[in-house]
C-alpha atoms as a PDB file:
ATOM      1  CA  MET A   1       0.000   0.000   0.000  1.00  0.00           C
ATOM      2  CA  THR A   2       1.359   3.388  -0.981  1.00  0.00           C
ATOM      3  CA  PRO A   3       1.756   6.184   1.578  1.00  0.00           C
ATOM      4  CA  ARG A   4      -0.968   8.141  -0.210  1.00  0.00           C
ATOM      5  CA  ALA A   5      -3.419   5.244   0.003  1.00  0.00           C
ATOM      6  CA  ALA A   6      -2.513   4.715   3.672  1.00  0.00           C
ATOM      7  CA  GLY A   7      -3.191   8.410   4.370  1.00  0.00           C
ATOM      8  CA  ARG A   8      -6.589   8.184   2.672  1.00  0.00           C
ATOM      9  CA  GLY A   9      -7.422   5.136   4.800  1.00  0.00           C
ATOM     10  CA  VAL A  10      -6.509   6.941   8.012  1.00  0.00           C
ATOM     11  CA  ARG A  11      -8.586   9.966   7.044  1.00  0.00           C
ATOM     12  CA  CYS A  12     -11.498   7.706   6.171  1.00  0.00           C
ATOM     13  CA  LEU A  13     -11.316   5.982   9.549  1.00  0.00           C
ATOM     14  CA  LEU A  14     -11.065   9.317  11.317  1.00  0.00           C
ATOM     15  CA  LEU A  15     -14.109  10.686   9.501  1.00  0.00           C
ATOM     16  CA  ARG A  16     -16.067   7.541  10.265  1.00  0.00           C
ATOM     17  CA  GLY A  17     -15.108   7.834  13.929  1.00  0.00           C
ATOM     18  CA  ILE A  18     -16.197  11.474  14.030  1.00  0.00           C
ATOM     19  CA  ALA A  19     -19.470  10.636  12.281  1.00  0.00           C
ATOM     20  CA  LEU A  20     -20.136   7.736  14.653  1.00  0.00           C
ATOM     21  CA  ALA A  21     -19.390   9.915  17.686  1.00  0.00           C
ATOM     22  CA  ALA A  22     -21.729  12.615  16.359  1.00  0.00           C
ATOM     23  CA  VAL A  23     -24.516  10.081  15.752  1.00  0.00           C
ATOM     24  CA  ASN A  24     -24.056   8.645  19.239  1.00  0.00           C
ATOM     25  CA  LEU A  25     -24.090  12.125  20.783  1.00  0.00           C
ATOM     26  CA  VAL A  26     -27.314  12.989  18.939  1.00  0.00           C
ATOM     27  CA  ALA A  27     -28.861   9.691  20.045  1.00  0.00           C
ATOM     28  CA  LEU A  28     -27.762  10.244  23.659  1.00  0.00           C
ATOM     29  CA  GLU A  29     -29.076  13.811  23.642  1.00  0.00           C
ATOM     30  CA  ALA A  30     -32.410  12.640  22.200  1.00  0.00           C
ATOM     31  CA  MET A  31     -32.684   9.862  24.789  1.00  0.00           C
ATOM     32  CA  LEU A  32     -31.854  12.196  27.680  1.00  0.00           C
ATOM     33  CA  ARG A  33     -34.370  14.763  26.478  1.00  0.00           C
ATOM     34  CA  LEU A  34     -37.044  12.068  26.274  1.00  0.00           C
ATOM     35  CA  VAL A  35     -36.281  10.898  29.803  1.00  0.00           C
ATOM     36  CA  ASN A  36     -36.131  14.524  30.976  1.00  0.00           C
ATOM     37  CA  ALA A  37     -39.628  15.109  29.595  1.00  0.00           C
ATOM     38  CA  LEU A  38     -40.949  12.224  31.704  1.00  0.00           C
ATOM     39  CA  VAL A  39     -38.732  12.500  34.801  1.00  0.00           C
ATOM     40  CA  PRO A  40     -36.832  15.848  34.945  1.00  0.00           C
ATOM     41  CA  LEU A  41     -33.072  15.296  35.196  1.00  0.00           C
ATOM     42  CA  GLU A  42     -32.446  18.975  35.987  1.00  0.00           C
ATOM     43  CA  ARG A  43     -34.497  21.822  37.326  1.00  0.00           C
ATOM     44  CA  PRO A  44     -36.904  22.973  34.590  1.00  0.00           C
ATOM     45  CA  ALA A  45     -36.146  26.408  33.201  1.00  0.00           C
ATOM     46  CA  HIS A  46     -39.430  27.880  34.442  1.00  0.00           C
ATOM     47  CA  LEU A  47     -38.512  26.882  38.011  1.00  0.00           C
ATOM     48  CA  LEU A  48     -35.084  28.523  38.071  1.00  0.00           C
ATOM     49  CA  ASP A  49     -34.483  31.274  40.632  1.00  0.00           C
ATOM     50  CA  ARG A  50     -34.304  34.742  39.119  1.00  0.00           C
ATOM     51  CA  TYR A  51     -33.451  37.755  41.254  1.00  0.00           C
ATOM     52  CA  ALA A  52     -30.870  40.521  41.441  1.00  0.00           C
ATOM     53  CA  SER A  53     -28.618  41.568  44.305  1.00  0.00           C
ATOM     54  CA  HIS A  54     -27.539  45.012  45.480  1.00  0.00           C
ATOM     55  CA  TRP A  55     -24.096  45.246  47.087  1.00  0.00           C
ATOM     56  CA  LEU A  56     -23.649  47.194  50.307  1.00  0.00           C
ATOM     57  CA  GLU A  57     -20.072  46.223  51.213  1.00  0.00           C
ATOM     58  CA  GLY A  58     -17.215  44.175  49.720  1.00  0.00           C
ATOM     59  CA  ARG A  59     -17.986  42.729  46.286  1.00  0.00           C
ATOM     60  CA  ASP A  60     -16.011  39.517  46.714  1.00  0.00           C
ATOM     61  CA  TRP A  61     -18.641  36.760  46.845  1.00  0.00           C
ATOM     62  CA  THR A  62     -16.189  34.186  48.228  1.00  0.00           C
ATOM     63  CA  ASN A  63     -15.135  36.327  51.220  1.00  0.00           C
ATOM     64  CA  GLY A  64     -17.758  36.014  53.935  1.00  0.00           C
ATOM     65  CA  LEU A  65     -15.975  38.423  56.247  1.00  0.00           C
ATOM     66  CA  THR A  66     -16.327  41.413  53.932  1.00  0.00           C
ATOM     67  CA  ARG A  67     -19.292  40.803  51.654  1.00  0.00           C
ATOM     68  CA  LEU A  68     -22.723  42.277  52.347  1.00  0.00           C
ATOM     69  CA  TYR A  69     -25.647  42.717  49.975  1.00  0.00           C
ATOM     70  CA  VAL A  70     -29.433  42.644  49.847  1.00  0.00           C
ATOM     71  CA  PHE A  71     -31.911  41.859  47.109  1.00  0.00           C
ATOM     72  CA  ALA A  72     -32.138  44.685  44.584  1.00  0.00           C
ATOM     73  CA  PRO A  73     -34.598  47.123  46.249  1.00  0.00           C
ATOM     74  CA  GLY A  74     -37.952  47.408  44.519  1.00  0.00           C
ATOM     75  CA  SER A  75     -37.201  44.592  42.087  1.00  0.00           C
ATOM     76  CA  LEU A  76     -39.306  41.623  41.003  1.00  0.00           C
ATOM     77  CA  GLY A  77     -38.055  38.090  40.509  1.00  0.00           C
ATOM     78  CA  SER A  78     -39.080  34.494  41.038  1.00  0.00           C
ATOM     79  CA  THR A  79     -38.095  31.446  43.055  1.00  0.00           C
ATOM     80  CA  TYR A  80     -39.162  27.966  42.002  1.00  0.00           C
ATOM     81  CA  GLY A  81     -42.059  29.446  40.065  1.00  0.00           C
ATOM     82  CA  HIS A  82     -43.231  31.731  42.887  1.00  0.00           C
ATOM     83  CA  PRO A  83     -43.132  35.547  42.610  1.00  0.00           C
ATOM     84  CA  LEU A  84     -40.308  37.194  44.530  1.00  0.00           C
ATOM     85  CA  ARG A  85     -41.055  40.844  45.258  1.00  0.00           C
ATOM     86  CA  VAL A  86     -38.491  42.988  47.022  1.00  0.00           C
ATOM     87  CA  ASN A  87     -39.341  45.954  49.216  1.00  0.00           C
ATOM     88  CA  ARG A  88     -37.533  49.288  49.225  1.00  0.00           C
ATOM     89  CA  TRP A  89     -35.147  48.067  51.911  1.00  0.00           C
ATOM     90  CA  GLY A  90     -33.896  45.150  49.823  1.00  0.00           C
ATOM     91  CA  PHE A  91     -35.724  42.269  51.529  1.00  0.00           C
ATOM     92  CA  ARG A  92     -38.311  39.910  50.148  1.00  0.00           C
ATOM     93  CA  GLY A  93     -41.819  40.989  51.085  1.00  0.00           C
ATOM     94  CA  ALA A  94     -44.036  44.025  51.396  1.00  0.00           C
ATOM     95  CA  ASP A  95     -42.748  47.423  52.451  1.00  0.00           C
ATOM     96  CA  PHE A  96     -42.830  48.292  56.138  1.00  0.00           C
ATOM     97  CA  LEU A  97     -42.740  51.651  57.872  1.00  0.00           C
ATOM     98  CA  GLU A  98     -39.803  53.095  59.737  1.00  0.00           C
ATOM     99  CA  ARG A  99     -40.177  52.523  63.450  1.00  0.00           C
ATOM    100  CA  ASP A 100     -40.434  56.239  64.254  1.00  0.00           C
ATOM    101  CA  ARG A 101     -43.699  56.525  62.284  1.00  0.00           C
ATOM    102  CA  PRO A 102     -46.754  56.715  64.595  1.00  0.00           C
ATOM    103  CA  GLU A 103     -48.445  53.766  62.877  1.00  0.00           C
ATOM    104  CA  ALA A 104     -45.380  51.585  63.376  1.00  0.00           C
ATOM    105  CA  GLN A 105     -44.960  52.551  67.016  1.00  0.00           C
ATOM    106  CA  ARG A 106     -48.277  50.925  67.882  1.00  0.00           C
ATOM    107  CA  ALA A 107     -47.130  47.491  66.688  1.00  0.00           C
ATOM    108  CA  PHE A 108     -45.130  44.777  68.435  1.00  0.00           C
ATOM    109  CA  ARG A 109     -42.318  44.031  66.010  1.00  0.00           C
ATOM    110  CA  VAL A 110     -40.342  40.846  65.554  1.00  0.00           C
ATOM    111  CA  ALA A 111     -37.214  41.061  63.358  1.00  0.00           C
ATOM    112  CA  VAL A 112     -36.161  37.756  61.776  1.00  0.00           C
ATOM    113  CA  LEU A 113     -32.581  37.428  60.526  1.00  0.00           C
ATOM    114  CA  GLY A 114     -31.455  34.582  58.311  1.00  0.00           C
ATOM    115  CA  ASP A 115     -30.297  33.219  54.980  1.00  0.00           C
ATOM    116  CA  SER A 116     -32.109  31.785  51.956  1.00  0.00           C
ATOM    117  CA  VAL A 117     -34.243  29.536  54.177  1.00  0.00           C
ATOM    118  CA  THR A 118     -35.546  32.561  56.071  1.00  0.00           C
ATOM    119  CA  ALA A 119     -35.929  34.516  52.817  1.00  0.00           C
ATOM    120  CA  GLY A 120     -38.087  31.608  51.660  1.00  0.00           C
ATOM    121  CA  LEU A 121     -36.358  30.523  48.480  1.00  0.00           C
ATOM    122  CA  GLY A 122     -38.341  27.687  46.950  1.00  0.00           C
ATOM    123  CA  VAL A 123     -41.700  28.645  48.479  1.00  0.00           C
ATOM    124  CA  ALA A 124     -44.275  31.396  48.152  1.00  0.00           C
ATOM    125  CA  GLU A 125     -43.825  34.508  50.271  1.00  0.00           C
ATOM    126  CA  GLU A 126     -46.898  33.776  52.381  1.00  0.00           C
ATOM    127  CA  ASP A 127     -45.603  30.259  53.155  1.00  0.00           C
ATOM    128  CA  ARG A 128     -42.356  31.398  54.833  1.00  0.00           C
ATOM    129  CA  TYR A 129     -42.129  30.588  58.519  1.00  0.00           C
ATOM    130  CA  SER A 130     -41.984  34.298  59.382  1.00  0.00           C
ATOM    131  CA  ASP A 131     -45.274  34.964  57.562  1.00  0.00           C
ATOM    132  CA  VAL A 132     -46.910  31.870  59.052  1.00  0.00           C
ATOM    133  CA  LEU A 133     -45.776  32.994  62.527  1.00  0.00           C
ATOM    134  CA  GLN A 134     -47.262  36.448  62.016  1.00  0.00           C
ATOM    135  CA  ARG A 135     -50.621  34.984  60.980  1.00  0.00           C
ATOM    136  CA  ARG A 136     -50.665  32.586  63.940  1.00  0.00           C
ATOM    137  CA  LEU A 137     -49.799  35.317  66.454  1.00  0.00           C
ATOM    138  CA  SER A 138     -52.145  37.869  64.885  1.00  0.00           C
ATOM    139  CA  ALA A 139     -55.037  35.406  65.013  1.00  0.00           C
ATOM    140  CA  ARG A 140     -54.688  35.395  68.810  1.00  0.00           C
ATOM    141  CA  CYS A 141     -54.453  39.193  69.135  1.00  0.00           C
ATOM    142  CA  THR A 142     -57.586  40.994  68.089  1.00  0.00           C
ATOM    143  CA  SER A 143     -56.722  44.380  69.597  1.00  0.00           C
ATOM    144  CA  GLY A 144     -52.920  44.711  69.371  1.00  0.00           C
ATOM    145  CA  ARG A 145     -50.924  44.470  66.146  1.00  0.00           C
ATOM    146  CA  ILE A 146     -47.965  42.186  65.530  1.00  0.00           C
ATOM    147  CA  GLU A 147     -45.511  42.633  62.664  1.00  0.00           C
ATOM    148  CA  VAL A 148     -42.909  40.009  61.799  1.00  0.00           C
ATOM    149  CA  VAL A 149     -40.289  41.695  59.614  1.00  0.00           C
ATOM    150  CA  ASN A 150     -38.265  39.249  57.523  1.00  0.00           C
ATOM    151  CA  LEU A 151     -34.640  40.373  56.993  1.00  0.00           C
ATOM    152  CA  GLY A 152     -33.479  37.116  55.406  1.00  0.00           C
ATOM    153  CA  VAL A 153     -31.195  37.252  52.353  1.00  0.00           C
ATOM    154  CA  HIS A 154     -29.832  34.406  50.241  1.00  0.00           C
ATOM    155  CA  GLY A 155     -26.266  33.397  51.060  1.00  0.00           C
ATOM    156  CA  TYR A 156     -26.128  35.086  54.455  1.00  0.00           C
ATOM    157  CA  GLU A 157     -24.168  33.602  57.327  1.00  0.00           C
ATOM    158  CA  THR A 158     -24.316  34.818  60.918  1.00  0.00           C
ATOM    159  CA  VAL A 159     -21.549  37.302  60.066  1.00  0.00           C
ATOM    160  CA  GLN A 160     -23.769  39.120  57.569  1.00  0.00           C
ATOM    161  CA  GLU A 161     -26.798  38.834  59.841  1.00  0.00           C
ATOM    162  CA  GLU A 162     -24.940  40.777  62.527  1.00  0.00           C
ATOM    163  CA  LYS A 163     -24.072  43.501  60.003  1.00  0.00           C
ATOM    164  CA  ILE A 164     -27.597  43.809  58.638  1.00  0.00           C
ATOM    165  CA  LEU A 165     -29.050  43.938  62.158  1.00  0.00           C
ATOM    166  CA  ARG A 166     -26.881  46.961  62.938  1.00  0.00           C
ATOM    167  CA  ARG A 167     -27.866  48.651  59.654  1.00  0.00           C
ATOM    168  CA  MET A 168     -31.594  48.010  60.045  1.00  0.00           C
ATOM    169  CA  TRP A 169     -32.049  48.321  63.805  1.00  0.00           C
ATOM    170  CA  ASP A 170     -33.294  51.914  63.891  1.00  0.00           C
ATOM    171  CA  VAL A 171     -35.477  51.338  60.825  1.00  0.00           C
ATOM    172  CA  VAL A 172     -37.163  48.204  62.171  1.00  0.00           C
ATOM    173  CA  GLY A 173     -36.927  48.947  65.913  1.00  0.00           C
ATOM    174  CA  PRO A 174     -37.688  45.337  66.907  1.00  0.00           C
ATOM    175  CA  ASP A 175     -39.234  44.402  70.236  1.00  0.00           C
ATOM    176  CA  LEU A 176     -37.954  40.869  69.681  1.00  0.00           C
ATOM    177  CA  THR A 177     -35.103  39.547  67.523  1.00  0.00           C
ATOM    178  CA  VAL A 178     -35.030  36.050  65.994  1.00  0.00           C
ATOM    179  CA  VAL A 179     -31.978  34.555  64.303  1.00  0.00           C
ATOM    180  CA  GLY A 180     -32.615  31.683  61.901  1.00  0.00           C
ATOM    181  CA  PHE A 181     -29.710  29.211  61.935  1.00  0.00           C
ATOM    182  CA  TYR A 182     -28.902  26.684  59.218  1.00  0.00           C
ATOM    183  CA  VAL A 183     -26.035  24.190  59.442  1.00  0.00           C
ATOM    184  CA  ASN A 184     -23.840  25.927  56.842  1.00  0.00           C
ATOM    185  CA  ASP A 185     -23.999  29.316  58.593  1.00  0.00           C
ATOM    186  CA  PRO A 186     -20.588  28.993  60.304  1.00  0.00           C
ATOM    187  CA  ASN A 187     -18.987  28.522  56.879  1.00  0.00           C
ATOM    188  CA  ILE A 188     -17.844  31.869  55.471  1.00  0.00           C
ATOM    189  CA  THR A 189     -15.580  30.508  52.713  1.00  0.00           C
ATOM    190  CA  TYR A 190     -17.409  30.245  49.399  1.00  0.00           C
ATOM    191  CA  ASP A 191     -14.665  29.026  47.046  1.00  0.00           C
ATOM    192  CA  HIS A 192     -16.469  25.703  46.683  1.00  0.00           C
ATOM    193  CA  HIS A 193     -19.436  27.403  45.013  1.00  0.00           C
ATOM    194  CA  ALA A 194     -17.409  28.144  41.884  1.00  0.00           C
ATOM    195  CA  LEU A 195     -18.038  25.263  39.462  1.00  0.00           C
ATOM    196  CA  HIS A 196     -14.991  23.937  37.633  1.00  0.00           C
ATOM    197  CA  PRO A 197     -16.335  23.979  34.060  1.00  0.00           C
ATOM    198  CA  ILE A 198     -15.490  21.541  31.297  1.00  0.00           C
ATOM    199  CA  PRO A 199     -12.726  23.246  29.262  1.00  0.00           C
ATOM    200  CA  THR A 200     -14.597  24.688  26.303  1.00  0.00           C
ATOM    201  CA  PRO A 201     -13.688  27.426  23.812  1.00  0.00           C
ATOM    202  CA  GLU A 202     -15.504  30.594  24.843  1.00  0.00           C
ATOM    203  CA  ARG A 203     -17.170  30.934  21.449  1.00  0.00           C
ATOM    204  CA  LEU A 204     -18.572  27.396  21.596  1.00  0.00           C
ATOM    205  CA  ARG A 205     -19.857  27.529  25.148  1.00  0.00           C
ATOM    206  CA  PRO A 206     -23.215  29.220  24.386  1.00  0.00           C
ATOM    207  CA  MET A 207     -23.894  26.458  21.851  1.00  0.00           C
ATOM    208  CA  VAL A 208     -22.778  23.425  23.875  1.00  0.00           C
ATOM    209  CA  GLY A 209     -24.490  24.871  26.949  1.00  0.00           C
ATOM    210  CA  LYS A 210     -27.812  24.181  25.224  1.00  0.00           C
ATOM    211  CA  LEU A 211     -27.063  20.447  25.242  1.00  0.00           C
ATOM    212  CA  LEU A 212     -28.622  18.557  28.134  1.00  0.00           C
ATOM    213  CA  THR A 213     -25.780  16.039  27.888  1.00  0.00           C
ATOM    214  CA  PHE A 214     -23.225  18.794  28.495  1.00  0.00           C
ATOM    215  CA  ARG A 215     -25.142  20.286  31.429  1.00  0.00           C
ATOM    216  CA  LEU A 216     -25.425  16.906  33.134  1.00  0.00           C
ATOM    217  CA  LEU A 217     -21.758  16.058  32.563  1.00  0.00           C
ATOM    218  CA  GLU A 218     -20.388  19.325  33.948  1.00  0.00           C
ATOM    219  CA  PRO A 219     -21.199  18.623  37.644  1.00  0.00           C
ATOM    220  CA  LEU A 220     -19.603  15.175  37.236  1.00  0.00           C
ATOM    221  CA  TYR A 221     -16.533  16.835  35.758  1.00  0.00           C
ATOM    222  CA  ASP A 222     -16.447  19.256  38.713  1.00  0.00           C
ATOM    223  CA  ARG A 223     -16.512  16.406  41.257  1.00  0.00           C
ATOM    224  CA  THR A 224     -13.846  14.497  39.331  1.00  0.00           C
ATOM    225  CA  TYR A 225     -11.656  17.616  39.088  1.00  0.00           C
ATOM    226  CA  ARG A 226     -11.960  18.209  42.842  1.00  0.00           C
ATOM    227  CA  TRP A 227     -11.119  14.576  43.581  1.00  0.00           C
ATOM    228  CA  LEU A 228      -8.055  14.598  41.332  1.00  0.00           C
ATOM    229  CA  TRP A 229      -6.731  17.869  42.733  1.00  0.00           C
ATOM    230  CA  ARG A 230      -7.879  17.137  46.293  1.00  0.00           C
ATOM    231  CA  LEU A 231     -10.054  20.229  46.495  1.00  0.00           C
ATOM    232  CA  PRO A 232     -12.761  20.296  49.203  1.00  0.00           C
ATOM    233  CA  THR A 233     -16.400  19.836  48.308  1.00  0.00           C
ATOM    234  CA  HIS A 234     -19.164  21.970  49.794  1.00  0.00           C
ATOM    235  CA  GLU A 235     -19.849  19.364  52.496  1.00  0.00           C
ATOM    236  CA  GLU A 236     -16.165  19.120  53.420  1.00  0.00           C
ATOM    237  CA  THR A 237     -15.814  22.902  53.631  1.00  0.00           C
ATOM    238  CA  VAL A 238     -18.819  23.156  55.946  1.00  0.00           C
ATOM    239  CA  ARG A 239     -17.479  20.368  58.182  1.00  0.00           C
ATOM    240  CA  ARG A 240     -14.132  22.160  58.448  1.00  0.00           C
ATOM    241  CA  ALA A 241     -15.949  25.304  59.596  1.00  0.00           C
ATOM    242  CA  TYR A 242     -17.047  23.423  62.743  1.00  0.00           C
ATOM    243  CA  ASP A 243     -13.452  23.050  63.901  1.00  0.00           C
ATOM    244  CA  PRO A 244     -13.311  25.293  67.019  1.00  0.00           C
ATOM    245  CA  THR A 245      -9.835  26.491  65.984  1.00  0.00           C
ATOM    246  CA  SER A 246     -10.897  27.501  62.463  1.00  0.00           C
ATOM    247  CA  ARG A 247     -11.278  31.117  61.366  1.00  0.00           C
ATOM    248  CA  ASP A 248     -14.840  30.340  60.253  1.00  0.00           C
ATOM    249  CA  TRP A 249     -15.973  29.026  63.636  1.00  0.00           C
ATOM    250  CA  GLN A 250     -14.354  31.873  65.529  1.00  0.00           C
ATOM    251  CA  ALA A 251     -16.077  34.404  63.247  1.00  0.00           C
ATOM    252  CA  PHE A 252     -19.390  32.624  63.826  1.00  0.00           C
ATOM    253  CA  VAL A 253     -18.990  32.690  67.626  1.00  0.00           C
ATOM    254  CA  SER A 254     -17.965  36.347  67.521  1.00  0.00           C
ATOM    255  CA  SER A 255     -21.051  37.277  65.470  1.00  0.00           C
ATOM    256  CA  VAL A 256     -23.441  35.362  67.745  1.00  0.00           C
ATOM    257  CA  ASN A 257     -21.997  37.143  70.781  1.00  0.00           C
ATOM    258  CA  ALA A 258     -22.118  40.511  69.022  1.00  0.00           C
ATOM    259  CA  ILE A 259     -25.806  40.065  68.123  1.00  0.00           C
ATOM    260  CA  ALA A 260     -26.591  39.091  71.720  1.00  0.00           C
ATOM    261  CA  ARG A 261     -24.750  42.114  73.132  1.00  0.00           C
ATOM    262  CA  TRP A 262     -26.429  44.452  70.655  1.00  0.00           C
ATOM    263  CA  VAL A 263     -29.928  43.166  71.457  1.00  0.00           C
ATOM    264  CA  HIS A 264     -29.425  42.989  75.214  1.00  0.00           C
ATOM    265  CA  ALA A 265     -28.115  46.560  75.262  1.00  0.00           C
ATOM    266  CA  ARG A 266     -31.232  47.859  73.494  1.00  0.00           C
ATOM    267  CA  GLY A 267     -34.096  45.675  74.644  1.00  0.00           C
ATOM    268  CA  ARG A 268     -35.558  43.797  77.576  1.00  0.00           C
ATOM    269  CA  ARG A 269     -36.158  40.498  75.790  1.00  0.00           C
ATOM    270  CA  PRO A 270     -33.442  37.990  74.964  1.00  0.00           C
ATOM    271  CA  PRO A 271     -32.890  37.142  71.297  1.00  0.00           C
ATOM    272  CA  VAL A 272     -34.182  33.822  69.960  1.00  0.00           C
ATOM    273  CA  ALA A 273     -32.252  31.348  67.809  1.00  0.00           C
ATOM    274  CA  VAL A 274     -34.337  28.955  65.722  1.00  0.00           C
ATOM    275  CA  PHE A 275     -32.712  25.839  64.240  1.00  0.00           C
ATOM    276  CA  LEU A 276     -33.896  25.558  60.627  1.00  0.00           C
ATOM    277  CA  ALA A 277     -32.395  22.198  59.632  1.00  0.00           C
ATOM    278  CA  ASP A 278     -33.300  18.611  60.474  1.00  0.00           C
ATOM    279  CA  VAL A 279     -32.141  18.116  64.076  1.00  0.00           C
ATOM    280  CA  GLU A 280     -31.470  14.364  63.818  1.00  0.00           C
ATOM    281  CA  GLU A 281     -29.548  14.765  60.556  1.00  0.00           C
ATOM    282  CA  ALA A 282     -27.489  17.592  62.059  1.00  0.00           C
ATOM    283  CA  ARG A 283     -26.723  15.486  65.140  1.00  0.00           C
ATOM    284  CA  ARG A 284     -25.392  12.655  62.981  1.00  0.00           C
ATOM    285  CA  HIS A 285     -22.988  15.050  61.284  1.00  0.00           C
ATOM    286  CA  GLY A 286     -21.884  16.795  64.478  1.00  0.00           C
ATOM    287  CA  MET A 287     -23.577  20.076  63.504  1.00  0.00           C
ATOM    288  CA  TYR A 288     -26.141  20.454  66.268  1.00  0.00           C
ATOM    289  CA  GLU A 289     -24.674  20.603  69.778  1.00  0.00           C
ATOM    290  CA  GLY A 290     -21.915  23.085  68.872  1.00  0.00           C
ATOM    291  CA  PRO A 291     -24.162  25.849  67.486  1.00  0.00           C
ATOM    292  CA  ARG A 292     -26.797  25.261  70.158  1.00  0.00           C
ATOM    293  CA  ASP A 293     -24.224  25.700  72.909  1.00  0.00           C
ATOM    294  CA  VAL A 294     -22.759  28.835  71.303  1.00  0.00           C
ATOM    295  CA  PHE A 295     -26.197  30.483  71.173  1.00  0.00           C
ATOM    296  CA  ALA A 296     -27.059  29.354  74.705  1.00  0.00           C
ATOM    297  CA  ARG A 297     -23.829  30.726  76.179  1.00  0.00           C
ATOM    298  CA  ALA A 298     -24.507  34.062  74.456  1.00  0.00           C
ATOM    299  CA  GLY A 299     -27.925  34.319  76.135  1.00  0.00           C
ATOM    300  CA  PHE A 300     -30.221  33.280  73.281  1.00  0.00           C
ATOM    301  CA  VAL A 301     -33.451  31.385  73.793  1.00  0.00           C
ATOM    302  CA  TRP A 302     -33.213  28.209  71.697  1.00  0.00           C
ATOM    303  CA  SER A 303     -36.026  26.932  69.448  1.00  0.00           C
ATOM    304  CA  GLU A 304     -36.165  23.838  67.257  1.00  0.00           C
ATOM    305  CA  VAL A 305     -38.636  21.619  65.452  1.00  0.00           C
ATOM    306  CA  GLU A 306     -39.434  18.392  67.258  1.00  0.00           C
ATOM    307  CA  GLY A 307     -39.256  15.171  65.237  1.00  0.00           C
ATOM    308  CA  ARG A 308     -38.411  14.601  61.593  1.00  0.00           C
ATOM    309  CA  ASN A 309     -40.381  17.411  59.981  1.00  0.00           C
ATOM    310  CA  TYR A 310     -37.845  18.726  57.469  1.00  0.00           C
ATOM    311  CA  ALA A 311     -38.692  18.066  53.846  1.00  0.00           C
ATOM    312  CA  ALA A 312     -37.211  19.675  50.742  1.00  0.00           C
ATOM    313  CA  VAL A 313     -39.266  21.376  48.049  1.00  0.00           C
ATOM    314  CA  SER A 314     -38.089  18.769  45.539  1.00  0.00           C
ATOM    315  CA  ARG A 315     -34.969  16.847  44.561  1.00  0.00           C
ATOM    316  CA  HIS A 316     -34.000  19.886  42.482  1.00  0.00           C
ATOM    317  CA  GLU A 317     -34.624  22.377  45.299  1.00  0.00           C
ATOM    318  CA  ALA A 318     -33.139  21.529  48.703  1.00  0.00           C
ATOM    319  CA  HIS A 319     -34.721  24.400  50.626  1.00  0.00           C
ATOM    320  CA  PRO A 320     -37.540  23.400  53.015  1.00  0.00           C
ATOM    321  CA  ASN A 321     -41.042  23.083  51.631  1.00  0.00           C
ATOM    322  CA  GLU A 322     -44.223  24.735  52.896  1.00  0.00           C
ATOM    323  CA  GLN A 323     -44.913  22.040  55.503  1.00  0.00           C
ATOM    324  CA  ALA A 324     -41.397  22.395  56.948  1.00  0.00           C
ATOM    325  CA  HIS A 325     -41.859  26.175  57.198  1.00  0.00           C
ATOM    326  CA  ARG A 326     -45.151  25.639  59.064  1.00  0.00           C
ATOM    327  CA  CYS A 327     -43.399  23.320  61.524  1.00  0.00           C
ATOM    328  CA  ILE A 328     -40.699  25.944  62.142  1.00  0.00           C
ATOM    329  CA  ALA A 329     -43.361  28.623  62.751  1.00  0.00           C
ATOM    330  CA  GLU A 330     -45.236  26.359  65.183  1.00  0.00           C
ATOM    331  CA  ALA A 331     -42.017  25.571  67.056  1.00  0.00           C
ATOM    332  CA  LEU A 332     -41.221  29.278  67.309  1.00  0.00           C
ATOM    333  CA  GLU A 333     -44.714  30.061  68.569  1.00  0.00           C
ATOM    334  CA  ARG A 334     -44.367  27.423  71.299  1.00  0.00           C
ATOM    335  CA  THR A 335     -40.979  28.851  72.283  1.00  0.00           C
ATOM    336  CA  LEU A 336     -42.318  32.415  72.479  1.00  0.00           C
ATOM    337  CA  ASP A 337     -45.237  31.234  74.625  1.00  0.00           C
ATOM    338  CA  ARG A 338     -43.043  29.135  76.914  1.00  0.00           C
ATOM    339  CA  HIS A 339     -40.733  32.066  77.641  1.00  0.00           C
ATOM    340  CA  GLY A 340     -43.384  34.784  77.626  1.00  0.00           C
ATOM    341  CA  LEU A 341     -41.611  36.719  74.876  1.00  0.00           C
ATOM    342  CA  VAL A 342     -44.781  38.186  73.355  1.00  0.00           C
ATOM    343  CA  PRO A 343     -46.336  40.103  76.283  1.00  0.00           C
ATOM    344  CA  ARG A 344     -50.010  39.774  77.077  1.00  0.00           C
ATOM    345  CA  GLY A 345     -50.459  43.486  76.563  1.00  0.00           C
ATOM    346  CA  VAL A 346     -49.996  43.002  72.802  1.00  0.00           C
ATOM    347  CA  CYS A 347     -53.241  41.062  72.754  1.00  0.00           C
ATOM    348  CA  GLU A 348     -54.998  43.410  75.148  1.00  0.00           C
ATOM    349  CA  GLY A 349     -54.837  46.712  73.333  1.00  0.00           C
ATOM    350  CA  GLY A 350     -51.192  47.689  73.063  1.00  0.00           C
ATOM    351  CA  VAL A 351     -47.586  46.722  73.473  1.00  0.00           C
ATOM    352  CA  ALA A 352     -46.519  46.051  77.030  1.00  0.00           C
ATOM    353  CA  GLY A 353     -42.964  46.226  78.291  1.00  0.00           C
END
């Protein structure tokens, strides 16, 4: 066989291989799309979260010590198909009056700090535990008025919650402060959130990004990349934050103590910490006793849901569903009653001391 004939044979084999790979890719894409139509393999486009953020301090997303932002004030968005309206202060929900307004002074106000769970990502605004709590308390108080002001923002840890409390204190003027705690709140390092993408020419990425096959392979590539280069996953980073000697844990403890000092210096009621995750699951991973003890030592009243009542919105949305939010609100109501944190005077014609 001549060199020229051998070259033609190699080219022919190469072209056949490329054609076969293309046919297989098309067949795989078609099969995945068919399966996706019956059993979604990724979150459907109409259920994606869409909202904008407004930066207040430090624009480095990965640095939890310096970053601070709210939702874009006055904007509209969506979360898992539910409307997400943002008030003029940059928090999800309706506008509320400054505390020095006469109408606001007649209400008993509860400020709720927290992250995306408190903000209610994945559920409707009226199904958040803060809104459920307000309805439950208001139903018992026919003469006084209770306002539960939700200051939750996606991605917050306790560090940011301390900062936003200081910024919003005079505006909200809370009679009672509640801090929602989720198990990843001590973690202030966000490097793990950056996906390691499949190396793709920039010009081709918009095109290949439309392929379901590509979108499903990219998370697998990210996990493989992290394993090969021994980079921590999200779960590993959170576990490391629970090391009492870590910078993350020390920042968490400092923020809890700072919130307690701030509230105690300005009010007569202790702050409340509500555990937002599954208690039994957190215990198994060593993420329950540590935070509970930190809040208790700082002078917080502790609240948690009894039993296994945490359920996610779906396998594509890990935030708690409506039933889980109701359980959190009921647990909080029991805690407030047990400790007498909502005074009887609220339900008898005005706010008592």
